[in-house]
Each structure stands twice: as structure tokens, then as C-alpha cells.
Amino acid sequence: MPGYYVVQFDETLAPTLIYLTTPTWDYPIDLSQNAQDARPEAAFKTQRHYLSARRAWPEETDTYRDWALNPHDQPQATGIFPHAHANVETRNDATFFAQNAIDGVWASNLHGEYPYLSWGINQDPHAALTVELGRPVILDRVGVVLRADFPHDSWWDTAVLTFSDGQNEVLTLRKTGEPQYFDFAEHTATAVTFHDLHRADPASPFPALTALQFFGRNA
């Protein structure tokens, strides 16, 4: 039944508050080598598994929190939110998927294998990542963690957030792998796009995003 749920589909995944709009949820497990490079070694491979799903409690859905967080997100997910997708991902490589920006893993000083996951833009100057929330959420803060595998990496010194209400916020970013937080006037949005990414260092063509957070309350 559609609504808010707390799920945990593997011991290596944190319990996750999700918003479900579909009556069923297919959760395929990719056991390819590339998929395994993007998660802990034991993920989905133990002899015994414990899976859980329950209705969320009101105090979990009524609180102020990061509404982008979803370690259970998958590229093909439909009707399950939050969900991240992008117009480009490096080499269709799981260690560079858009979902890595909302999985809660913030290791930012390397790349290409777990736990150093990121959204890679394949050197595309028009790269954009969207986080779909699935229903209206009142947002007033964003957290950004840039990948910081310097000097391999470059970084973005500015970026734009476009909210589904049609409003924009411009972010001025620093060269760091630490979280950067920005407060702004409230936006009621069902989705937010991170785009217009200006590369700061011409010596490297490889800026990337480790984490993106959106803080607020359900509308």
C-alpha cells in the first residue's frame, strides 16, 4: 500500500525511510563485478539474510531531516522516493551512479570503489543530477560534499539548485571534501536539480559529487 515505510533489505544497508507510491516494489540484486565494487564485500552474499519493512511512525515522517537520503535507491527505481537520476554518468559504472550522491556514504578522498562512491559526470559540462522526492517537501537547507581526490580531481566553485517550484539558488563552493551547508528561504518542492556546474581547476577534467542532502519537513 502506498505511504511511508522504513525498510532494510540487507545487513549492509542502513534502515531507510522511503515514500512509496506504487503497490509493489521490485528490488533486483545485481551481482556483476562492477555492482559489487560499489558496495561492501558482504552485501547480499551472506548465508542468511534479514529483511524488514514496516509502516513509518508519525514522529519519523513529521520531523526535520535530510529528505534526500536513500541508501536503497537504484537506477531503475520507479515509484520509490527519494530517487536520484542524472543526464550523464561516467561509463555506466556503478561507482559513479547518481544514486551514490544520496546513499549516506561520504568518503570523498578517493574514487572508483566502495566506500569512495560518487556521481561522475564523464567530463560533460551540461551534467545535471535530479533528486525526486515524490511529494511536496518544504526545504530550507542543502548539504554538498564534493569528491576531493586531489590532484586527480577538479572541483566546482559554483552550482545552481533548481526547485520544482521554478526557483533557483546559486551555491558558492570551496575546494574541500568536507560537507558544505547552505541555508535559504523555504521552497516547497517535489524535486530539485543540481546543475550549471562550473569547474574551477582547468588542470583536471574530473570534478565529481560525493553527497547531496536536502533538509526540511513534509509539506
N, C-alpha and C. Protein backbone atom coordinates (compact mmCIF):
# COMPACT_ATOMS: atom_id res chain seq x y z
N MET A 1 0.84 -1.19 0.00
CA MET A 1 0.00 0.00 0.00
C MET A 1 0.89 1.25 0.00
N PRO A 2 0.60 2.25 -0.83
CA PRO A 2 1.42 3.46 -0.87
C PRO A 2 1.48 4.16 0.49
N GLY A 3 2.61 4.82 0.76
CA GLY A 3 2.80 5.55 2.01
C GLY A 3 4.26 5.57 2.41
N TYR A 4 4.51 5.89 3.68
CA TYR A 4 5.87 5.95 4.21
C TYR A 4 6.21 4.62 4.88
N TYR A 5 7.43 4.14 4.58
CA TYR A 5 7.90 2.89 5.14
C TYR A 5 9.35 3.04 5.59
N VAL A 6 9.73 2.21 6.56
CA VAL A 6 11.14 2.06 6.92
C VAL A 6 11.55 0.66 6.48
N VAL A 7 12.58 0.59 5.62
CA VAL A 7 12.97 -0.69 5.04
C VAL A 7 14.46 -0.94 5.29
N GLN A 8 14.80 -2.23 5.31
CA GLN A 8 16.20 -2.65 5.33
C GLN A 8 16.27 -3.98 4.60
N PHE A 9 16.89 -3.97 3.42
CA PHE A 9 16.90 -5.16 2.57
C PHE A 9 18.19 -5.95 2.63
N ASP A 10 19.15 -5.47 3.41
CA ASP A 10 20.40 -6.22 3.62
C ASP A 10 21.06 -5.67 4.88
N GLU A 11 21.84 -6.51 5.53
CA GLU A 11 22.50 -6.08 6.76
C GLU A 11 23.49 -4.94 6.51
N THR A 12 23.97 -4.78 5.30
CA THR A 12 24.94 -3.73 4.98
C THR A 12 24.27 -2.42 4.59
N LEU A 13 22.94 -2.39 4.53
CA LEU A 13 22.20 -1.18 4.22
C LEU A 13 21.56 -0.63 5.49
N ALA A 14 21.65 0.68 5.67
CA ALA A 14 21.02 1.28 6.85
C ALA A 14 19.51 1.27 6.71
N PRO A 15 18.76 1.09 7.81
CA PRO A 15 17.31 1.25 7.75
C PRO A 15 16.98 2.61 7.14
N THR A 16 16.02 2.62 6.21
CA THR A 16 15.79 3.79 5.36
C THR A 16 14.31 4.15 5.34
N LEU A 17 14.03 5.44 5.57
CA LEU A 17 12.68 5.96 5.43
C LEU A 17 12.44 6.30 3.96
N ILE A 18 11.47 5.62 3.35
CA ILE A 18 11.16 5.87 1.94
C ILE A 18 9.68 6.21 1.80
N TYR A 19 9.38 6.85 0.68
CA TYR A 19 7.99 7.17 0.35
C TYR A 19 7.62 6.35 -0.88
N LEU A 20 6.63 5.50 -0.73
CA LEU A 20 6.24 4.55 -1.76
C LEU A 20 4.94 5.00 -2.41
N THR A 21 4.91 5.07 -3.74
CA THR A 21 3.69 5.46 -4.45
C THR A 21 3.16 4.36 -5.34
N THR A 22 3.79 3.22 -5.29
CA THR A 22 3.40 2.08 -6.13
C THR A 22 3.00 0.91 -5.24
N PRO A 23 2.07 0.05 -5.67
CA PRO A 23 1.64 -1.06 -4.81
C PRO A 23 2.68 -2.17 -4.67
N THR A 24 3.67 -2.22 -5.56
CA THR A 24 4.71 -3.24 -5.47
C THR A 24 6.07 -2.60 -5.67
N TRP A 25 7.10 -3.26 -5.16
CA TRP A 25 8.47 -2.77 -5.29
C TRP A 25 9.36 -3.95 -5.65
N ASP A 26 9.83 -3.99 -6.88
CA ASP A 26 10.80 -4.99 -7.30
C ASP A 26 12.19 -4.46 -7.01
N TYR A 27 12.99 -5.24 -6.30
CA TYR A 27 14.32 -4.81 -5.89
C TYR A 27 15.36 -5.82 -6.41
N PRO A 28 15.74 -5.72 -7.69
CA PRO A 28 16.69 -6.68 -8.24
C PRO A 28 18.09 -6.50 -7.65
N ILE A 29 18.79 -7.61 -7.50
CA ILE A 29 20.15 -7.60 -6.95
C ILE A 29 21.13 -7.89 -8.08
N ASP A 30 21.93 -6.90 -8.43
CA ASP A 30 22.95 -7.03 -9.47
C ASP A 30 24.20 -7.61 -8.84
N LEU A 31 24.62 -8.79 -9.28
CA LEU A 31 25.80 -9.46 -8.74
C LEU A 31 26.99 -9.37 -9.68
N SER A 32 26.95 -8.46 -10.64
CA SER A 32 28.09 -8.25 -11.52
C SER A 32 29.27 -7.70 -10.71
N GLN A 33 30.48 -7.85 -11.25
CA GLN A 33 31.65 -7.37 -10.54
C GLN A 33 31.60 -5.87 -10.32
N ASN A 34 31.12 -5.14 -11.32
CA ASN A 34 31.06 -3.69 -11.16
C ASN A 34 30.09 -3.28 -10.06
N ALA A 35 28.94 -3.93 -9.98
CA ALA A 35 27.99 -3.63 -8.92
C ALA A 35 28.59 -3.95 -7.55
N GLN A 36 29.33 -5.04 -7.46
CA GLN A 36 29.94 -5.40 -6.18
C GLN A 36 31.06 -4.43 -5.79
N ASP A 37 31.71 -3.83 -6.78
CA ASP A 37 32.74 -2.82 -6.49
C ASP A 37 32.14 -1.62 -5.77
N ALA A 38 30.83 -1.41 -5.94
CA ALA A 38 30.17 -0.22 -5.41
C ALA A 38 29.46 -0.48 -4.08
N ARG A 39 29.73 -1.59 -3.43
CA ARG A 39 29.09 -1.85 -2.14
C ARG A 39 30.02 -2.71 -1.27
N PRO A 40 29.72 -2.85 0.02
CA PRO A 40 30.57 -3.66 0.89
C PRO A 40 30.69 -5.09 0.38
N GLU A 41 31.81 -5.72 0.68
CA GLU A 41 32.09 -7.06 0.15
C GLU A 41 31.03 -8.08 0.52
N ALA A 42 30.44 -7.96 1.70
CA ALA A 42 29.46 -8.95 2.16
C ALA A 42 28.04 -8.66 1.70
N ALA A 43 27.81 -7.58 0.99
CA ALA A 43 26.45 -7.18 0.65
C ALA A 43 25.74 -8.24 -0.19
N PHE A 44 24.58 -8.69 0.27
CA PHE A 44 23.74 -9.67 -0.41
C PHE A 44 24.45 -11.02 -0.64
N LYS A 45 25.48 -11.33 0.14
CA LYS A 45 26.26 -12.54 -0.12
C LYS A 45 26.35 -13.46 1.10
N THR A 46 25.75 -13.07 2.22
CA THR A 46 25.83 -13.92 3.41
C THR A 46 24.88 -15.11 3.28
N GLN A 47 25.12 -16.14 4.09
CA GLN A 47 24.29 -17.35 4.03
C GLN A 47 22.85 -17.08 4.47
N ARG A 48 22.70 -16.23 5.46
CA ARG A 48 21.37 -15.89 5.97
C ARG A 48 21.17 -14.39 5.84
N HIS A 49 19.95 -14.01 5.52
CA HIS A 49 19.61 -12.60 5.36
C HIS A 49 18.43 -12.25 6.26
N TYR A 50 18.45 -11.01 6.73
CA TYR A 50 17.31 -10.49 7.47
C TYR A 50 16.82 -9.25 6.75
N LEU A 51 15.59 -9.30 6.23
CA LEU A 51 14.97 -8.17 5.55
C LEU A 51 13.81 -7.69 6.40
N SER A 52 13.60 -6.38 6.40
CA SER A 52 12.48 -5.86 7.17
C SER A 52 11.83 -4.69 6.45
N ALA A 53 10.53 -4.52 6.68
CA ALA A 53 9.77 -3.38 6.17
C ALA A 53 8.61 -3.15 7.11
N ARG A 54 8.39 -1.91 7.46
CA ARG A 54 7.27 -1.57 8.33
C ARG A 54 6.74 -0.19 7.96
N ARG A 55 5.52 0.09 8.35
CA ARG A 55 4.98 1.43 8.22
C ARG A 55 5.79 2.40 9.08
N ALA A 56 6.09 3.58 8.55
CA ALA A 56 6.82 4.57 9.33
C ALA A 56 5.92 5.15 10.42
N TRP A 57 6.52 5.54 11.52
CA TRP A 57 5.80 6.16 12.62
C TRP A 57 5.61 7.65 12.32
N PRO A 58 4.57 8.28 12.85
CA PRO A 58 4.34 9.72 12.62
C PRO A 58 5.54 10.58 13.01
N GLU A 59 6.22 10.24 14.10
CA GLU A 59 7.37 11.05 14.51
C GLU A 59 8.53 10.93 13.53
N GLU A 60 8.54 9.91 12.69
CA GLU A 60 9.58 9.78 11.67
C GLU A 60 9.25 10.60 10.41
N THR A 61 7.99 10.75 10.12
CA THR A 61 7.60 11.47 8.90
C THR A 61 7.34 12.95 9.15
N ASP A 62 7.16 13.35 10.42
CA ASP A 62 6.84 14.74 10.75
C ASP A 62 8.06 15.55 11.18
N THR A 63 9.23 14.96 11.17
CA THR A 63 10.41 15.60 11.71
C THR A 63 11.17 16.40 10.64
N TYR A 64 12.09 17.26 11.10
CA TYR A 64 13.04 17.96 10.22
C TYR A 64 14.22 17.03 9.98
N ARG A 65 14.56 16.80 8.71
CA ARG A 65 15.61 15.83 8.40
C ARG A 65 16.07 16.00 6.96
N ASP A 66 17.07 15.18 6.58
CA ASP A 66 17.53 15.11 5.19
C ASP A 66 16.57 14.20 4.42
N TRP A 67 15.77 14.80 3.54
CA TRP A 67 14.77 14.03 2.80
C TRP A 67 15.31 13.47 1.48
N ALA A 68 16.60 13.68 1.20
CA ALA A 68 17.21 13.07 0.01
C ALA A 68 17.82 11.71 0.32
N LEU A 69 18.04 11.40 1.58
CA LEU A 69 18.78 10.20 1.96
C LEU A 69 18.03 8.92 1.59
N ASN A 70 18.71 8.06 0.80
CA ASN A 70 18.11 6.77 0.44
C ASN A 70 19.19 5.77 0.02
N PRO A 71 19.79 5.03 0.97
CA PRO A 71 20.77 4.01 0.62
C PRO A 71 20.19 2.87 -0.24
N HIS A 72 18.86 2.76 -0.31
CA HIS A 72 18.22 1.69 -1.09
C HIS A 72 17.89 2.11 -2.52
N ASP A 73 18.27 3.31 -2.93
CA ASP A 73 17.94 3.78 -4.27
C ASP A 73 18.66 2.93 -5.32
N GLN A 74 17.99 2.74 -6.46
CA GLN A 74 18.55 2.01 -7.59
C GLN A 74 18.28 2.79 -8.87
N PRO A 75 19.14 2.63 -9.89
CA PRO A 75 18.96 3.41 -11.11
C PRO A 75 17.59 3.24 -11.76
N GLN A 76 17.02 2.03 -11.70
CA GLN A 76 15.76 1.75 -12.39
C GLN A 76 14.54 1.93 -11.50
N ALA A 77 14.71 2.47 -10.30
CA ALA A 77 13.60 2.58 -9.36
C ALA A 77 12.50 3.49 -9.89
N THR A 78 11.26 3.05 -9.74
CA THR A 78 10.10 3.87 -10.10
C THR A 78 9.08 3.79 -8.97
N GLY A 79 8.57 4.94 -8.59
CA GLY A 79 7.55 4.98 -7.54
C GLY A 79 8.09 4.86 -6.14
N ILE A 80 9.44 4.88 -5.98
CA ILE A 80 10.07 4.80 -4.67
C ILE A 80 10.94 6.03 -4.51
N PHE A 81 10.74 6.78 -3.43
CA PHE A 81 11.42 8.06 -3.25
C PHE A 81 12.05 8.14 -1.86
N PRO A 82 13.15 8.93 -1.77
CA PRO A 82 13.78 9.74 -2.80
C PRO A 82 14.50 8.89 -3.85
N HIS A 83 14.61 9.47 -5.04
CA HIS A 83 15.27 8.79 -6.16
C HIS A 83 16.14 9.79 -6.91
N ALA A 84 17.39 9.42 -7.14
CA ALA A 84 18.33 10.28 -7.87
C ALA A 84 18.55 9.76 -9.28
N HIS A 85 18.56 10.67 -10.23
CA HIS A 85 18.90 10.32 -11.61
C HIS A 85 19.63 11.48 -12.25
N ALA A 86 20.37 11.22 -13.31
CA ALA A 86 21.19 12.24 -13.94
C ALA A 86 21.16 12.08 -15.45
N ASN A 87 21.53 13.14 -16.15
CA ASN A 87 21.57 13.08 -17.62
C ASN A 87 22.87 12.45 -18.13
N VAL A 88 23.82 12.21 -17.23
CA VAL A 88 25.07 11.56 -17.62
C VAL A 88 25.68 10.91 -16.38
N GLU A 89 26.30 9.74 -16.58
CA GLU A 89 27.05 9.05 -15.53
C GLU A 89 28.28 8.44 -16.19
N THR A 90 29.41 8.51 -15.52
CA THR A 90 30.67 8.07 -16.12
C THR A 90 30.65 6.58 -16.45
N ARG A 91 30.78 6.26 -17.72
CA ARG A 91 30.98 4.90 -18.24
C ARG A 91 29.91 3.91 -17.79
N ASN A 92 28.75 4.35 -17.38
CA ASN A 92 27.73 3.45 -16.85
C ASN A 92 28.31 2.56 -15.74
N ASP A 93 29.17 3.14 -14.94
CA ASP A 93 29.90 2.45 -13.87
C ASP A 93 29.18 2.70 -12.56
N ALA A 94 28.87 1.63 -11.83
CA ALA A 94 28.09 1.75 -10.59
C ALA A 94 28.78 2.60 -9.54
N THR A 95 30.09 2.71 -9.57
CA THR A 95 30.78 3.54 -8.59
C THR A 95 30.63 5.02 -8.90
N PHE A 96 29.99 5.35 -10.05
CA PHE A 96 29.77 6.75 -10.43
C PHE A 96 28.29 7.05 -10.69
N PHE A 97 27.38 6.20 -10.22
CA PHE A 97 25.94 6.41 -10.45
C PHE A 97 25.43 7.61 -9.65
N ALA A 98 24.35 8.20 -10.15
CA ALA A 98 23.70 9.32 -9.45
C ALA A 98 23.27 8.93 -8.05
N GLN A 99 22.81 7.69 -7.85
CA GLN A 99 22.31 7.27 -6.54
C GLN A 99 23.38 7.36 -5.46
N ASN A 100 24.66 7.36 -5.85
CA ASN A 100 25.73 7.45 -4.85
C ASN A 100 25.69 8.78 -4.09
N ALA A 101 25.08 9.80 -4.68
CA ALA A 101 25.02 11.11 -4.04
C ALA A 101 24.04 11.14 -2.87
N ILE A 102 23.15 10.15 -2.78
CA ILE A 102 22.14 10.16 -1.70
C ILE A 102 22.20 8.91 -0.83
N ASP A 103 23.31 8.17 -0.88
CA ASP A 103 23.38 6.90 -0.15
C ASP A 103 23.91 7.04 1.28
N GLY A 104 24.31 8.25 1.68
CA GLY A 104 24.79 8.45 3.04
C GLY A 104 26.23 8.08 3.27
N VAL A 105 26.96 7.67 2.22
CA VAL A 105 28.38 7.33 2.34
C VAL A 105 29.18 8.54 1.84
N TRP A 106 30.03 9.09 2.71
CA TRP A 106 30.68 10.37 2.42
C TRP A 106 32.19 10.27 2.24
N ALA A 107 32.75 9.11 2.01
CA ALA A 107 34.19 9.00 1.81
C ALA A 107 34.54 9.70 0.49
N SER A 108 35.31 10.78 0.58
CA SER A 108 35.45 11.66 -0.58
C SER A 108 36.85 11.77 -1.14
N ASN A 109 37.85 11.12 -0.53
CA ASN A 109 39.22 11.42 -0.93
C ASN A 109 39.83 10.40 -1.89
N LEU A 110 39.03 9.46 -2.40
CA LEU A 110 39.45 8.55 -3.47
C LEU A 110 38.25 8.35 -4.37
N HIS A 111 38.37 7.44 -5.36
CA HIS A 111 37.23 7.18 -6.23
C HIS A 111 37.37 5.80 -6.86
N GLY A 112 36.24 5.27 -7.34
CA GLY A 112 36.28 4.06 -8.16
C GLY A 112 35.97 2.76 -7.46
N GLU A 113 35.80 2.76 -6.13
CA GLU A 113 35.43 1.55 -5.41
C GLU A 113 34.85 1.94 -4.06
N TYR A 114 34.06 1.03 -3.47
CA TYR A 114 33.48 1.28 -2.16
C TYR A 114 34.58 1.45 -1.12
N PRO A 115 34.46 2.40 -0.18
CA PRO A 115 33.34 3.32 0.04
C PRO A 115 33.47 4.65 -0.70
N TYR A 116 34.38 4.72 -1.67
CA TYR A 116 34.65 6.00 -2.34
C TYR A 116 33.74 6.15 -3.56
N LEU A 117 32.44 6.29 -3.29
CA LEU A 117 31.43 6.36 -4.34
C LEU A 117 31.10 7.81 -4.64
N SER A 118 30.74 8.09 -5.89
CA SER A 118 30.45 9.47 -6.28
C SER A 118 29.56 9.46 -7.52
N TRP A 119 29.02 10.62 -7.82
CA TRP A 119 28.38 10.84 -9.11
C TRP A 119 29.43 11.41 -10.05
N GLY A 120 29.79 10.63 -11.07
CA GLY A 120 30.76 11.07 -12.06
C GLY A 120 30.06 11.59 -13.30
N ILE A 121 30.55 12.70 -13.86
CA ILE A 121 29.83 13.39 -14.94
C ILE A 121 30.42 13.14 -16.32
N ASN A 122 31.43 12.27 -16.41
CA ASN A 122 32.00 11.92 -17.71
C ASN A 122 32.47 13.16 -18.49
N GLN A 123 32.97 14.15 -17.76
CA GLN A 123 33.51 15.39 -18.33
C GLN A 123 32.47 16.19 -19.13
N ASP A 124 31.21 16.02 -18.78
CA ASP A 124 30.14 16.69 -19.53
C ASP A 124 29.83 18.05 -18.87
N PRO A 125 30.04 19.18 -19.56
CA PRO A 125 29.78 20.48 -18.95
C PRO A 125 28.30 20.76 -18.71
N HIS A 126 27.43 19.94 -19.30
CA HIS A 126 25.98 20.13 -19.13
C HIS A 126 25.39 19.11 -18.15
N ALA A 127 26.23 18.48 -17.36
CA ALA A 127 25.76 17.45 -16.43
C ALA A 127 24.78 18.04 -15.41
N ALA A 128 23.75 17.26 -15.09
CA ALA A 128 22.74 17.67 -14.12
C ALA A 128 22.23 16.44 -13.39
N LEU A 129 22.04 16.58 -12.09
CA LEU A 129 21.51 15.49 -11.25
C LEU A 129 20.24 15.98 -10.59
N THR A 130 19.20 15.15 -10.63
CA THR A 130 17.91 15.48 -10.04
C THR A 130 17.58 14.49 -8.93
N VAL A 131 17.12 15.02 -7.82
CA VAL A 131 16.59 14.19 -6.73
C VAL A 131 15.08 14.36 -6.71
N GLU A 132 14.37 13.29 -6.99
CA GLU A 132 12.91 13.27 -6.95
C GLU A 132 12.47 12.89 -5.55
N LEU A 133 11.56 13.69 -4.98
CA LEU A 133 11.07 13.44 -3.63
C LEU A 133 9.71 12.76 -3.61
N GLY A 134 8.95 12.86 -4.70
CA GLY A 134 7.71 12.11 -4.84
C GLY A 134 6.48 12.77 -4.27
N ARG A 135 6.65 13.84 -3.49
CA ARG A 135 5.54 14.59 -2.91
C ARG A 135 6.11 15.92 -2.44
N PRO A 136 5.30 16.92 -2.10
CA PRO A 136 5.83 18.22 -1.70
C PRO A 136 6.56 18.15 -0.36
N VAL A 137 7.75 18.72 -0.34
CA VAL A 137 8.56 18.84 0.88
C VAL A 137 9.00 20.29 1.00
N ILE A 138 8.94 20.85 2.20
CA ILE A 138 9.39 22.22 2.43
C ILE A 138 10.86 22.19 2.79
N LEU A 139 11.70 22.72 1.92
CA LEU A 139 13.16 22.63 2.06
C LEU A 139 13.75 24.00 2.35
N ASP A 140 14.77 24.03 3.22
CA ASP A 140 15.43 25.30 3.52
C ASP A 140 16.94 25.17 3.72
N ARG A 141 17.49 23.99 3.43
CA ARG A 141 18.94 23.81 3.62
C ARG A 141 19.43 22.70 2.69
N VAL A 142 20.65 22.88 2.16
CA VAL A 142 21.27 21.85 1.34
C VAL A 142 22.67 21.57 1.89
N GLY A 143 23.07 20.32 1.82
CA GLY A 143 24.43 19.93 2.13
C GLY A 143 25.09 19.33 0.90
N VAL A 144 26.33 19.71 0.65
CA VAL A 144 27.07 19.25 -0.53
C VAL A 144 28.43 18.72 -0.07
N VAL A 145 28.79 17.53 -0.55
CA VAL A 145 30.14 17.01 -0.35
C VAL A 145 30.74 16.76 -1.72
N LEU A 146 31.77 17.52 -2.07
CA LEU A 146 32.46 17.33 -3.33
C LEU A 146 33.48 16.20 -3.20
N ARG A 147 33.69 15.47 -4.31
CA ARG A 147 34.77 14.49 -4.28
C ARG A 147 36.10 15.24 -4.27
N ALA A 148 37.03 14.75 -3.47
CA ALA A 148 38.26 15.51 -3.22
C ALA A 148 39.49 14.63 -3.38
N ASP A 149 39.53 13.85 -4.45
CA ASP A 149 40.70 13.02 -4.75
C ASP A 149 41.72 13.89 -5.49
N PHE A 150 42.19 14.92 -4.82
CA PHE A 150 43.14 15.85 -5.43
C PHE A 150 44.54 15.24 -5.43
N PRO A 151 45.37 15.47 -6.49
CA PRO A 151 45.13 16.36 -7.64
C PRO A 151 44.44 15.69 -8.83
N HIS A 152 44.03 14.42 -8.69
CA HIS A 152 43.28 13.80 -9.79
C HIS A 152 42.02 14.60 -10.09
N ASP A 153 41.34 15.04 -9.06
CA ASP A 153 40.06 15.71 -9.22
C ASP A 153 40.21 17.21 -9.39
N SER A 154 39.25 17.78 -10.09
CA SER A 154 38.97 19.20 -10.00
C SER A 154 37.82 19.37 -9.01
N TRP A 155 37.21 20.56 -8.99
CA TRP A 155 36.03 20.79 -8.17
C TRP A 155 35.20 21.89 -8.82
N TRP A 156 33.97 22.05 -8.34
CA TRP A 156 33.11 23.13 -8.84
C TRP A 156 33.14 24.27 -7.84
N ASP A 157 33.32 25.50 -8.36
CA ASP A 157 33.27 26.64 -7.46
C ASP A 157 31.88 27.26 -7.38
N THR A 158 31.01 26.98 -8.36
CA THR A 158 29.61 27.39 -8.27
C THR A 158 28.72 26.28 -8.83
N ALA A 159 27.51 26.25 -8.34
CA ALA A 159 26.49 25.31 -8.83
C ALA A 159 25.13 25.96 -8.60
N VAL A 160 24.13 25.48 -9.32
CA VAL A 160 22.78 26.01 -9.20
C VAL A 160 21.83 24.89 -8.78
N LEU A 161 20.95 25.20 -7.84
CA LEU A 161 19.83 24.32 -7.50
C LEU A 161 18.58 24.89 -8.13
N THR A 162 17.87 24.08 -8.89
CA THR A 162 16.56 24.49 -9.41
C THR A 162 15.50 23.61 -8.77
N PHE A 163 14.56 24.27 -8.09
CA PHE A 163 13.49 23.57 -7.40
C PHE A 163 12.29 23.43 -8.32
N SER A 164 11.46 22.43 -8.07
CA SER A 164 10.29 22.21 -8.92
C SER A 164 9.28 23.35 -8.81
N ASP A 165 9.46 24.26 -7.82
CA ASP A 165 8.61 25.46 -7.76
C ASP A 165 9.06 26.53 -8.74
N GLY A 166 10.15 26.25 -9.50
CA GLY A 166 10.64 27.18 -10.51
C GLY A 166 11.69 28.14 -10.02
N GLN A 167 12.04 28.08 -8.74
CA GLN A 167 13.02 28.99 -8.16
C GLN A 167 14.42 28.37 -8.16
N ASN A 168 15.44 29.25 -8.18
CA ASN A 168 16.83 28.82 -8.19
C ASN A 168 17.56 29.32 -6.95
N GLU A 169 18.58 28.58 -6.55
CA GLU A 169 19.54 29.02 -5.55
C GLU A 169 20.94 28.76 -6.11
N VAL A 170 21.81 29.77 -6.03
CA VAL A 170 23.19 29.65 -6.50
C VAL A 170 24.09 29.34 -5.32
N LEU A 171 24.92 28.30 -5.45
CA LEU A 171 25.83 27.89 -4.39
C LEU A 171 27.25 28.27 -4.76
N THR A 172 27.97 28.84 -3.81
CA THR A 172 29.40 29.12 -3.98
C THR A 172 30.16 28.08 -3.16
N LEU A 173 30.92 27.24 -3.84
CA LEU A 173 31.54 26.07 -3.23
C LEU A 173 33.04 26.27 -3.03
N ARG A 174 33.59 25.53 -2.06
CA ARG A 174 35.02 25.60 -1.75
C ARG A 174 35.70 24.30 -2.15
N LYS A 175 37.01 24.36 -2.32
CA LYS A 175 37.83 23.19 -2.62
C LYS A 175 38.05 22.41 -1.33
N THR A 176 37.16 21.46 -1.07
CA THR A 176 37.25 20.65 0.14
C THR A 176 36.38 19.41 -0.04
N GLY A 177 36.76 18.34 0.65
CA GLY A 177 35.93 17.15 0.70
C GLY A 177 35.05 17.10 1.92
N GLU A 178 35.05 18.16 2.72
CA GLU A 178 34.20 18.25 3.89
C GLU A 178 32.80 18.73 3.49
N PRO A 179 31.78 18.43 4.29
CA PRO A 179 30.43 18.90 3.97
C PRO A 179 30.37 20.43 3.95
N GLN A 180 29.62 20.97 2.99
CA GLN A 180 29.36 22.40 2.89
C GLN A 180 27.85 22.60 2.95
N TYR A 181 27.39 23.49 3.84
CA TYR A 181 25.96 23.67 4.07
C TYR A 181 25.54 25.08 3.68
N PHE A 182 24.33 25.17 3.11
CA PHE A 182 23.79 26.44 2.64
C PHE A 182 22.32 26.52 3.07
N ASP A 183 21.97 27.63 3.71
CA ASP A 183 20.59 27.89 4.12
C ASP A 183 19.95 28.87 3.15
N PHE A 184 18.64 28.73 2.94
CA PHE A 184 17.93 29.61 2.02
C PHE A 184 16.47 29.70 2.45
N ALA A 185 15.75 30.64 1.85
CA ALA A 185 14.32 30.75 2.13
C ALA A 185 13.61 29.46 1.71
N GLU A 186 12.51 29.16 2.35
CA GLU A 186 11.82 27.89 2.11
C GLU A 186 11.33 27.76 0.67
N HIS A 187 11.51 26.55 0.14
CA HIS A 187 10.94 26.16 -1.15
C HIS A 187 10.08 24.92 -0.93
N THR A 188 8.89 24.90 -1.44
CA THR A 188 8.07 23.70 -1.43
C THR A 188 8.25 23.01 -2.77
N ALA A 189 8.87 21.84 -2.75
CA ALA A 189 9.29 21.20 -3.99
C ALA A 189 9.05 19.70 -3.95
N THR A 190 8.80 19.13 -5.11
CA THR A 190 8.73 17.68 -5.27
C THR A 190 10.01 17.12 -5.86
N ALA A 191 10.90 18.00 -6.35
CA ALA A 191 12.17 17.59 -6.94
C ALA A 191 13.12 18.77 -6.94
N VAL A 192 14.43 18.47 -6.95
CA VAL A 192 15.46 19.51 -7.02
C VAL A 192 16.55 19.02 -7.97
N THR A 193 17.03 19.94 -8.84
CA THR A 193 18.09 19.61 -9.80
C THR A 193 19.35 20.40 -9.46
N PHE A 194 20.47 19.71 -9.45
CA PHE A 194 21.81 20.26 -9.19
C PHE A 194 22.50 20.38 -10.54
N HIS A 195 22.79 21.59 -10.99
CA HIS A 195 23.26 21.77 -12.38
C HIS A 195 24.04 23.07 -12.51
N ASP A 196 24.35 23.44 -13.79
CA ASP A 196 25.18 24.62 -14.08
C ASP A 196 26.45 24.59 -13.23
N LEU A 197 27.19 23.51 -13.37
CA LEU A 197 28.35 23.24 -12.52
C LEU A 197 29.60 23.84 -13.17
N HIS A 198 30.20 24.81 -12.50
CA HIS A 198 31.35 25.50 -13.07
C HIS A 198 32.63 24.90 -12.51
N ARG A 199 33.43 24.31 -13.40
CA ARG A 199 34.68 23.67 -12.98
C ARG A 199 35.73 24.72 -12.65
N ALA A 200 36.35 24.59 -11.48
CA ALA A 200 37.27 25.62 -11.00
C ALA A 200 38.70 25.41 -11.46
N ASP A 201 39.11 24.17 -11.65
CA ASP A 201 40.52 23.86 -11.92
C ASP A 201 40.69 23.34 -13.34
N PRO A 202 41.23 24.12 -14.25
CA PRO A 202 41.38 23.64 -15.63
C PRO A 202 42.41 22.53 -15.79
N ALA A 203 43.24 22.30 -14.76
CA ALA A 203 44.27 21.27 -14.86
C ALA A 203 43.70 19.86 -14.80
N SER A 204 42.50 19.69 -14.24
CA SER A 204 41.87 18.38 -14.15
C SER A 204 40.46 18.44 -14.72
N PRO A 205 40.08 17.46 -15.56
CA PRO A 205 38.72 17.43 -16.11
C PRO A 205 37.74 16.60 -15.28
N PHE A 206 38.09 16.27 -14.03
CA PHE A 206 37.32 15.27 -13.28
C PHE A 206 36.72 15.81 -11.97
N PRO A 207 35.83 16.76 -12.01
CA PRO A 207 35.06 17.07 -10.81
C PRO A 207 33.97 16.01 -10.61
N ALA A 208 33.56 15.81 -9.36
CA ALA A 208 32.52 14.82 -9.08
C ALA A 208 31.87 15.15 -7.75
N LEU A 209 30.71 14.54 -7.52
CA LEU A 209 29.91 14.80 -6.33
C LEU A 209 29.85 13.55 -5.47
N THR A 210 30.20 13.69 -4.19
CA THR A 210 30.11 12.58 -3.26
C THR A 210 28.76 12.50 -2.58
N ALA A 211 28.20 13.65 -2.17
CA ALA A 211 26.94 13.62 -1.42
C ALA A 211 26.14 14.88 -1.64
N LEU A 212 24.81 14.72 -1.59
CA LEU A 212 23.87 15.83 -1.70
C LEU A 212 22.76 15.58 -0.70
N GLN A 213 22.46 16.57 0.12
CA GLN A 213 21.41 16.47 1.15
C GLN A 213 20.42 17.61 0.98
N PHE A 214 19.14 17.33 1.26
CA PHE A 214 18.11 18.36 1.25
C PHE A 214 17.33 18.27 2.56
N PHE A 215 17.40 19.34 3.36
CA PHE A 215 16.80 19.34 4.69
C PHE A 215 15.49 20.11 4.69
N GLY A 216 14.53 19.60 5.45
CA GLY A 216 13.26 20.28 5.60
C GLY A 216 12.23 19.40 6.27
N ARG A 217 10.96 19.73 6.00
CA ARG A 217 9.83 18.98 6.57
C ARG A 217 8.84 18.66 5.48
N ASN A 218 8.08 17.61 5.68
CA ASN A 218 6.99 17.30 4.76
C ASN A 218 5.99 18.44 4.75
N ALA A 219 5.50 18.77 3.57
CA ALA A 219 4.52 19.85 3.44
C ALA A 219 3.17 19.40 3.98
